[in-house]
């Protein structure tokens, strides 16, 4: 058995797994019932209704388009996750000789060997 045969077999299993996953997801989406399509009223201001949904004011019947009151919580969670990612990137840096260097600055891309020799 040559080296090329083992490489093609090593690629065949993930390819089959991806194909099966795609088929399962396609069958799930095609068999789902999404209900009837609802349109916005012709005289409704969508911009005003987004503002009412942001602060959950639609329950006071200020908005003419029904909505859920989770928009502010979603935006707060998005900002918190953005701050967490920014903090993780900042903490991933390290100092060498008083200068800040990226954590990936000296990544060895040849399998971990100095000089690139095999």
N, C-alpha and C. Protein backbone atom coordinates (compact mmCIF):
# COMPACT_ATOMS: atom_id res chain seq x y z
N UNK A 1 0.85 -1.17 0.00
CA UNK A 1 0.00 0.00 0.00
C UNK A 1 0.90 1.24 0.00
N UNK A 2 0.65 2.13 -0.94
CA UNK A 2 1.48 3.32 -1.04
C UNK A 2 0.98 4.42 -0.11
N UNK A 3 1.79 5.45 -0.01
CA UNK A 3 1.45 6.58 0.87
C UNK A 3 0.24 7.35 0.34
N UNK A 4 0.07 7.39 -0.99
CA UNK A 4 -1.06 8.12 -1.58
C UNK A 4 -2.39 7.42 -1.27
N UNK A 5 -2.40 6.08 -1.20
CA UNK A 5 -3.63 5.36 -0.87
C UNK A 5 -4.09 5.66 0.55
N UNK A 6 -3.16 5.74 1.48
CA UNK A 6 -3.54 6.03 2.86
C UNK A 6 -4.04 7.47 3.00
N UNK A 7 -3.48 8.38 2.22
CA UNK A 7 -3.97 9.76 2.27
C UNK A 7 -5.39 9.87 1.72
N UNK A 8 -5.66 9.17 0.61
CA UNK A 8 -7.01 9.25 0.04
C UNK A 8 -8.03 8.58 0.95
N UNK A 9 -7.66 7.51 1.64
CA UNK A 9 -8.56 6.89 2.61
C UNK A 9 -8.78 7.80 3.81
N UNK A 10 -7.75 8.51 4.21
CA UNK A 10 -7.88 9.44 5.34
C UNK A 10 -8.79 10.61 5.01
N UNK A 11 -8.91 10.95 3.75
CA UNK A 11 -9.79 12.04 3.34
C UNK A 11 -11.20 11.56 3.03
N UNK A 12 -11.36 10.27 2.79
CA UNK A 12 -12.65 9.74 2.42
C UNK A 12 -13.63 9.73 3.59
N UNK A 13 -13.16 9.37 4.76
CA UNK A 13 -14.03 9.27 5.93
C UNK A 13 -14.61 10.64 6.31
N UNK A 14 -13.79 11.71 6.41
CA UNK A 14 -14.39 13.02 6.71
C UNK A 14 -15.34 13.51 5.61
N UNK A 15 -15.02 13.19 4.35
CA UNK A 15 -15.89 13.62 3.25
C UNK A 15 -17.25 12.93 3.35
N UNK A 16 -17.28 11.66 3.66
CA UNK A 16 -18.54 10.94 3.82
C UNK A 16 -19.31 11.49 5.02
N UNK A 17 -18.60 11.77 6.12
CA UNK A 17 -19.26 12.32 7.31
C UNK A 17 -19.89 13.68 7.00
N UNK A 18 -19.20 14.52 6.26
CA UNK A 18 -19.75 15.84 5.90
C UNK A 18 -20.95 15.67 4.98
N UNK A 19 -20.88 14.73 4.04
CA UNK A 19 -22.02 14.48 3.16
C UNK A 19 -23.24 14.01 3.91
N UNK A 20 -23.05 13.10 4.88
CA UNK A 20 -24.17 12.63 5.69
C UNK A 20 -24.75 13.75 6.55
N UNK A 21 -23.89 14.57 7.13
CA UNK A 21 -24.36 15.69 7.93
C UNK A 21 -25.18 16.66 7.08
N UNK A 22 -24.70 16.94 5.86
CA UNK A 22 -25.45 17.82 4.96
C UNK A 22 -26.81 17.23 4.62
N UNK A 23 -26.84 15.92 4.34
CA UNK A 23 -28.10 15.27 4.01
C UNK A 23 -29.08 15.33 5.17
N UNK A 24 -28.61 15.10 6.39
CA UNK A 24 -29.48 15.17 7.57
C UNK A 24 -30.01 16.58 7.77
N UNK A 25 -29.14 17.58 7.62
CA UNK A 25 -29.60 18.97 7.79
C UNK A 25 -30.59 19.35 6.69
N UNK A 26 -30.34 18.92 5.46
CA UNK A 26 -31.27 19.24 4.36
C UNK A 26 -32.62 18.59 4.60
N UNK A 27 -32.63 17.33 5.05
CA UNK A 27 -33.90 16.66 5.33
C UNK A 27 -34.65 17.34 6.47
N UNK A 28 -33.92 17.81 7.47
CA UNK A 28 -34.54 18.50 8.60
C UNK A 28 -35.21 19.80 8.15
N UNK A 29 -34.49 20.58 7.34
CA UNK A 29 -35.04 21.86 6.88
C UNK A 29 -36.21 21.64 5.93
N UNK A 30 -36.09 20.66 5.05
CA UNK A 30 -37.17 20.42 4.08
C UNK A 30 -38.43 19.86 4.74
N UNK A 31 -38.28 19.16 5.85
CA UNK A 31 -39.46 18.58 6.49
C UNK A 31 -40.04 19.49 7.58
N UNK A 32 -39.42 20.64 7.84
CA UNK A 32 -39.90 21.56 8.87
C UNK A 32 -41.12 22.32 8.37
N UNK A 33 -42.02 22.65 9.28
CA UNK A 33 -43.20 23.44 8.96
C UNK A 33 -42.99 24.84 9.53
N UNK A 34 -42.83 25.81 8.66
CA UNK A 34 -42.56 27.17 9.09
C UNK A 34 -43.82 28.02 9.23
N UNK A 35 -44.96 27.48 8.92
CA UNK A 35 -46.20 28.22 9.07
C UNK A 35 -46.41 29.20 7.92
N UNK A 36 -47.42 30.02 8.09
CA UNK A 36 -47.76 31.00 7.06
C UNK A 36 -46.86 32.23 7.16
N UNK A 37 -46.61 32.85 6.03
CA UNK A 37 -45.80 34.07 5.99
C UNK A 37 -46.68 35.23 6.41
N UNK A 38 -46.20 36.02 7.37
CA UNK A 38 -46.95 37.18 7.85
C UNK A 38 -46.25 38.45 7.38
N UNK A 39 -47.01 39.40 6.94
CA UNK A 39 -46.45 40.67 6.47
C UNK A 39 -46.74 41.76 7.49
N UNK A 40 -45.98 42.82 7.41
CA UNK A 40 -46.22 43.98 8.26
C UNK A 40 -47.42 44.75 7.74
N UNK A 41 -48.14 45.41 8.64
CA UNK A 41 -49.25 46.26 8.16
C UNK A 41 -48.72 47.40 7.29
N UNK A 42 -49.51 47.82 6.34
CA UNK A 42 -49.06 48.83 5.38
C UNK A 42 -48.78 50.18 6.04
N UNK A 43 -49.51 50.53 7.09
CA UNK A 43 -49.34 51.84 7.72
C UNK A 43 -48.41 51.81 8.94
N UNK A 44 -47.73 50.69 9.19
CA UNK A 44 -46.88 50.57 10.38
C UNK A 44 -45.49 51.13 10.10
N UNK A 45 -44.94 51.82 11.10
CA UNK A 45 -43.57 52.32 11.02
C UNK A 45 -42.65 51.29 11.67
N UNK A 46 -41.86 50.65 10.88
CA UNK A 46 -40.99 49.59 11.39
C UNK A 46 -39.92 50.17 12.31
N UNK A 47 -39.40 51.35 12.00
CA UNK A 47 -38.35 51.96 12.82
C UNK A 47 -38.87 52.25 14.23
N UNK A 48 -40.07 52.80 14.34
CA UNK A 48 -40.64 53.06 15.66
C UNK A 48 -40.88 51.77 16.43
N UNK A 49 -41.34 50.74 15.73
CA UNK A 49 -41.62 49.47 16.39
C UNK A 49 -40.35 48.78 16.86
N UNK A 50 -39.23 48.94 16.16
CA UNK A 50 -37.96 48.40 16.65
C UNK A 50 -37.58 49.09 17.95
N UNK A 51 -37.77 50.40 18.03
CA UNK A 51 -37.49 51.12 19.27
C UNK A 51 -38.38 50.67 20.41
N UNK A 52 -39.65 50.43 20.13
CA UNK A 52 -40.56 49.94 21.17
C UNK A 52 -40.16 48.53 21.63
N UNK A 53 -39.73 47.69 20.68
CA UNK A 53 -39.31 46.33 21.03
C UNK A 53 -38.01 46.34 21.83
N UNK A 54 -37.15 47.33 21.57
CA UNK A 54 -35.87 47.42 22.27
C UNK A 54 -36.08 47.55 23.77
N UNK A 55 -37.02 48.35 24.17
CA UNK A 55 -37.26 48.58 25.59
C UNK A 55 -38.53 47.90 26.10
N UNK A 56 -39.06 46.96 25.33
CA UNK A 56 -40.24 46.18 25.70
C UNK A 56 -41.45 47.08 25.99
N UNK A 57 -41.63 48.10 25.17
CA UNK A 57 -42.76 49.00 25.33
C UNK A 57 -43.98 48.55 24.53
N UNK A 58 -43.85 47.47 23.77
CA UNK A 58 -44.97 46.99 22.97
C UNK A 58 -46.09 46.47 23.86
N UNK A 59 -45.76 46.05 25.07
CA UNK A 59 -46.81 45.56 25.98
C UNK A 59 -47.74 46.67 26.43
N UNK A 60 -47.33 47.93 26.27
CA UNK A 60 -48.19 49.06 26.60
C UNK A 60 -48.98 49.52 25.37
N UNK A 61 -48.96 48.71 24.33
CA UNK A 61 -49.69 48.93 23.09
C UNK A 61 -49.27 50.22 22.39
N UNK A 62 -47.99 50.55 22.49
CA UNK A 62 -47.46 51.70 21.75
C UNK A 62 -47.11 51.30 20.32
N UNK A 63 -46.66 50.08 20.13
CA UNK A 63 -46.27 49.63 18.80
C UNK A 63 -47.43 48.98 18.08
N UNK A 64 -47.44 49.12 16.77
CA UNK A 64 -48.52 48.53 15.97
C UNK A 64 -48.12 47.19 15.38
N UNK A 65 -46.85 46.78 15.54
CA UNK A 65 -46.38 45.49 15.05
C UNK A 65 -46.04 44.64 16.27
N UNK A 66 -46.65 43.47 16.42
CA UNK A 66 -46.34 42.63 17.59
C UNK A 66 -44.88 42.17 17.56
N UNK A 67 -44.24 42.18 18.71
CA UNK A 67 -42.84 41.79 18.79
C UNK A 67 -42.53 41.22 20.17
N UNK A 68 -41.37 40.62 20.27
CA UNK A 68 -40.90 40.09 21.54
C UNK A 68 -40.07 41.16 22.24
N UNK A 69 -39.99 41.09 23.56
CA UNK A 69 -39.27 42.10 24.31
C UNK A 69 -37.88 41.66 24.72
N UNK A 70 -37.15 41.05 23.82
CA UNK A 70 -35.83 40.54 24.18
C UNK A 70 -34.70 41.27 23.47
N UNK A 71 -34.97 42.32 22.75
CA UNK A 71 -33.95 42.97 21.94
C UNK A 71 -32.88 43.62 22.80
N UNK A 72 -33.25 44.28 23.89
CA UNK A 72 -32.26 44.92 24.75
C UNK A 72 -31.36 43.87 25.39
N UNK A 73 -31.93 42.76 25.86
CA UNK A 73 -31.11 41.69 26.44
C UNK A 73 -30.15 41.12 25.41
N UNK A 74 -30.59 40.98 24.18
CA UNK A 74 -29.73 40.48 23.11
C UNK A 74 -28.57 41.43 22.87
N UNK A 75 -28.83 42.72 22.81
CA UNK A 75 -27.76 43.69 22.57
C UNK A 75 -26.78 43.75 23.74
N UNK A 76 -27.27 43.65 24.96
CA UNK A 76 -26.38 43.65 26.13
C UNK A 76 -25.49 42.42 26.11
N UNK A 77 -26.06 41.27 25.78
CA UNK A 77 -25.25 40.04 25.68
C UNK A 77 -24.22 40.15 24.56
N UNK A 78 -24.58 40.77 23.44
CA UNK A 78 -23.65 40.93 22.33
C UNK A 78 -22.47 41.82 22.73
N UNK A 79 -22.74 42.89 23.43
CA UNK A 79 -21.66 43.78 23.87
C UNK A 79 -20.77 43.07 24.89
N UNK A 80 -21.38 42.31 25.82
CA UNK A 80 -20.59 41.58 26.82
C UNK A 80 -19.69 40.54 26.15
N UNK A 81 -20.20 39.83 25.16
CA UNK A 81 -19.38 38.85 24.45
C UNK A 81 -18.27 39.52 23.65
N UNK A 82 -18.54 40.68 23.08
CA UNK A 82 -17.51 41.42 22.35
C UNK A 82 -16.39 41.85 23.29
N UNK A 83 -16.76 42.33 24.48
CA UNK A 83 -15.74 42.72 25.47
C UNK A 83 -14.93 41.51 25.90
N UNK A 84 -15.57 40.35 26.05
CA UNK A 84 -14.86 39.14 26.45
C UNK A 84 -13.86 38.70 25.38
N UNK A 85 -14.25 38.79 24.11
CA UNK A 85 -13.34 38.41 23.03
C UNK A 85 -12.17 39.39 22.96
N UNK A 86 -12.46 40.68 23.09
CA UNK A 86 -11.38 41.67 23.08
C UNK A 86 -10.41 41.44 24.23
N UNK A 87 -10.94 41.11 25.42
CA UNK A 87 -10.08 40.82 26.57
C UNK A 87 -9.25 39.57 26.35
N UNK A 88 -9.82 38.55 25.72
CA UNK A 88 -9.07 37.33 25.44
C UNK A 88 -7.93 37.60 24.46
N UNK A 89 -8.18 38.43 23.46
CA UNK A 89 -7.11 38.77 22.51
C UNK A 89 -6.02 39.56 23.21
N UNK A 90 -6.40 40.47 24.09
CA UNK A 90 -5.41 41.25 24.82
C UNK A 90 -4.58 40.36 25.74
N UNK A 91 -5.23 39.42 26.42
CA UNK A 91 -4.51 38.54 27.33
C UNK A 91 -3.66 37.50 26.61
N UNK A 92 -3.93 37.26 25.33
CA UNK A 92 -3.15 36.30 24.57
C UNK A 92 -1.79 36.84 24.18
N UNK A 93 -1.55 38.11 24.40
CA UNK A 93 -0.24 38.70 24.10
C UNK A 93 0.69 38.48 25.28
N UNK A 94 1.97 38.40 25.00
CA UNK A 94 2.95 38.23 26.07
C UNK A 94 4.07 39.23 25.87
N UNK A 95 4.79 39.51 26.93
CA UNK A 95 5.86 40.48 26.87
C UNK A 95 7.21 39.77 26.79
N UNK A 96 8.06 40.24 25.88
CA UNK A 96 9.42 39.75 25.76
C UNK A 96 10.34 40.96 25.69
N UNK A 97 11.27 41.04 26.59
CA UNK A 97 12.23 42.15 26.63
C UNK A 97 11.56 43.51 26.70
N UNK A 98 10.46 43.59 27.43
CA UNK A 98 9.77 44.85 27.61
C UNK A 98 8.85 45.24 26.46
N UNK A 99 8.81 44.46 25.38
CA UNK A 99 7.92 44.79 24.27
C UNK A 99 6.80 43.75 24.20
N UNK A 100 5.66 44.19 23.75
CA UNK A 100 4.51 43.30 23.63
C UNK A 100 4.57 42.64 22.27
N UNK A 101 4.53 41.31 22.29
CA UNK A 101 4.62 40.52 21.07
C UNK A 101 3.37 39.66 20.99
N UNK A 102 2.88 39.42 19.79
CA UNK A 102 1.70 38.57 19.63
C UNK A 102 2.02 37.16 20.07
N UNK A 103 1.03 36.48 20.62
CA UNK A 103 1.24 35.10 21.08
C UNK A 103 1.55 34.18 19.91
N UNK A 104 1.10 34.52 18.72
CA UNK A 104 1.35 33.70 17.54
C UNK A 104 2.54 34.20 16.75
N UNK A 105 3.30 35.14 17.28
CA UNK A 105 4.39 35.76 16.55
C UNK A 105 5.48 34.80 16.14
N UNK A 106 5.75 33.78 16.92
CA UNK A 106 6.83 32.87 16.60
C UNK A 106 6.30 31.46 16.40
N UNK A 107 5.19 31.32 15.74
CA UNK A 107 4.62 29.99 15.50
C UNK A 107 5.48 29.25 14.49
N UNK A 108 5.77 28.01 14.80
CA UNK A 108 6.55 27.18 13.90
C UNK A 108 5.58 26.43 13.00
N UNK A 109 5.63 26.73 11.70
CA UNK A 109 4.66 26.16 10.78
C UNK A 109 5.18 24.91 10.09
N UNK A 110 6.35 24.44 10.45
CA UNK A 110 6.91 23.26 9.80
C UNK A 110 6.89 22.05 10.74
N UNK A 111 5.94 21.99 11.63
CA UNK A 111 5.83 20.86 12.52
C UNK A 111 6.62 21.02 13.80
N UNK A 112 7.10 22.20 14.10
CA UNK A 112 7.80 22.45 15.35
C UNK A 112 9.30 22.32 15.27
N UNK A 113 9.85 22.27 14.08
CA UNK A 113 11.31 22.15 13.94
C UNK A 113 11.92 23.50 13.65
N UNK A 114 12.98 23.82 14.33
CA UNK A 114 13.71 25.06 14.07
C UNK A 114 14.42 24.95 12.73
N UNK A 115 14.40 25.99 11.94
CA UNK A 115 15.15 26.00 10.69
C UNK A 115 14.43 25.39 9.51
N UNK A 116 13.34 24.71 9.72
CA UNK A 116 12.55 24.17 8.63
C UNK A 116 13.12 22.92 8.00
N UNK A 117 14.06 22.23 8.64
CA UNK A 117 14.63 21.03 8.05
C UNK A 117 13.81 19.81 8.46
N UNK A 118 13.82 18.79 7.59
CA UNK A 118 13.08 17.55 7.89
C UNK A 118 14.02 16.41 8.09
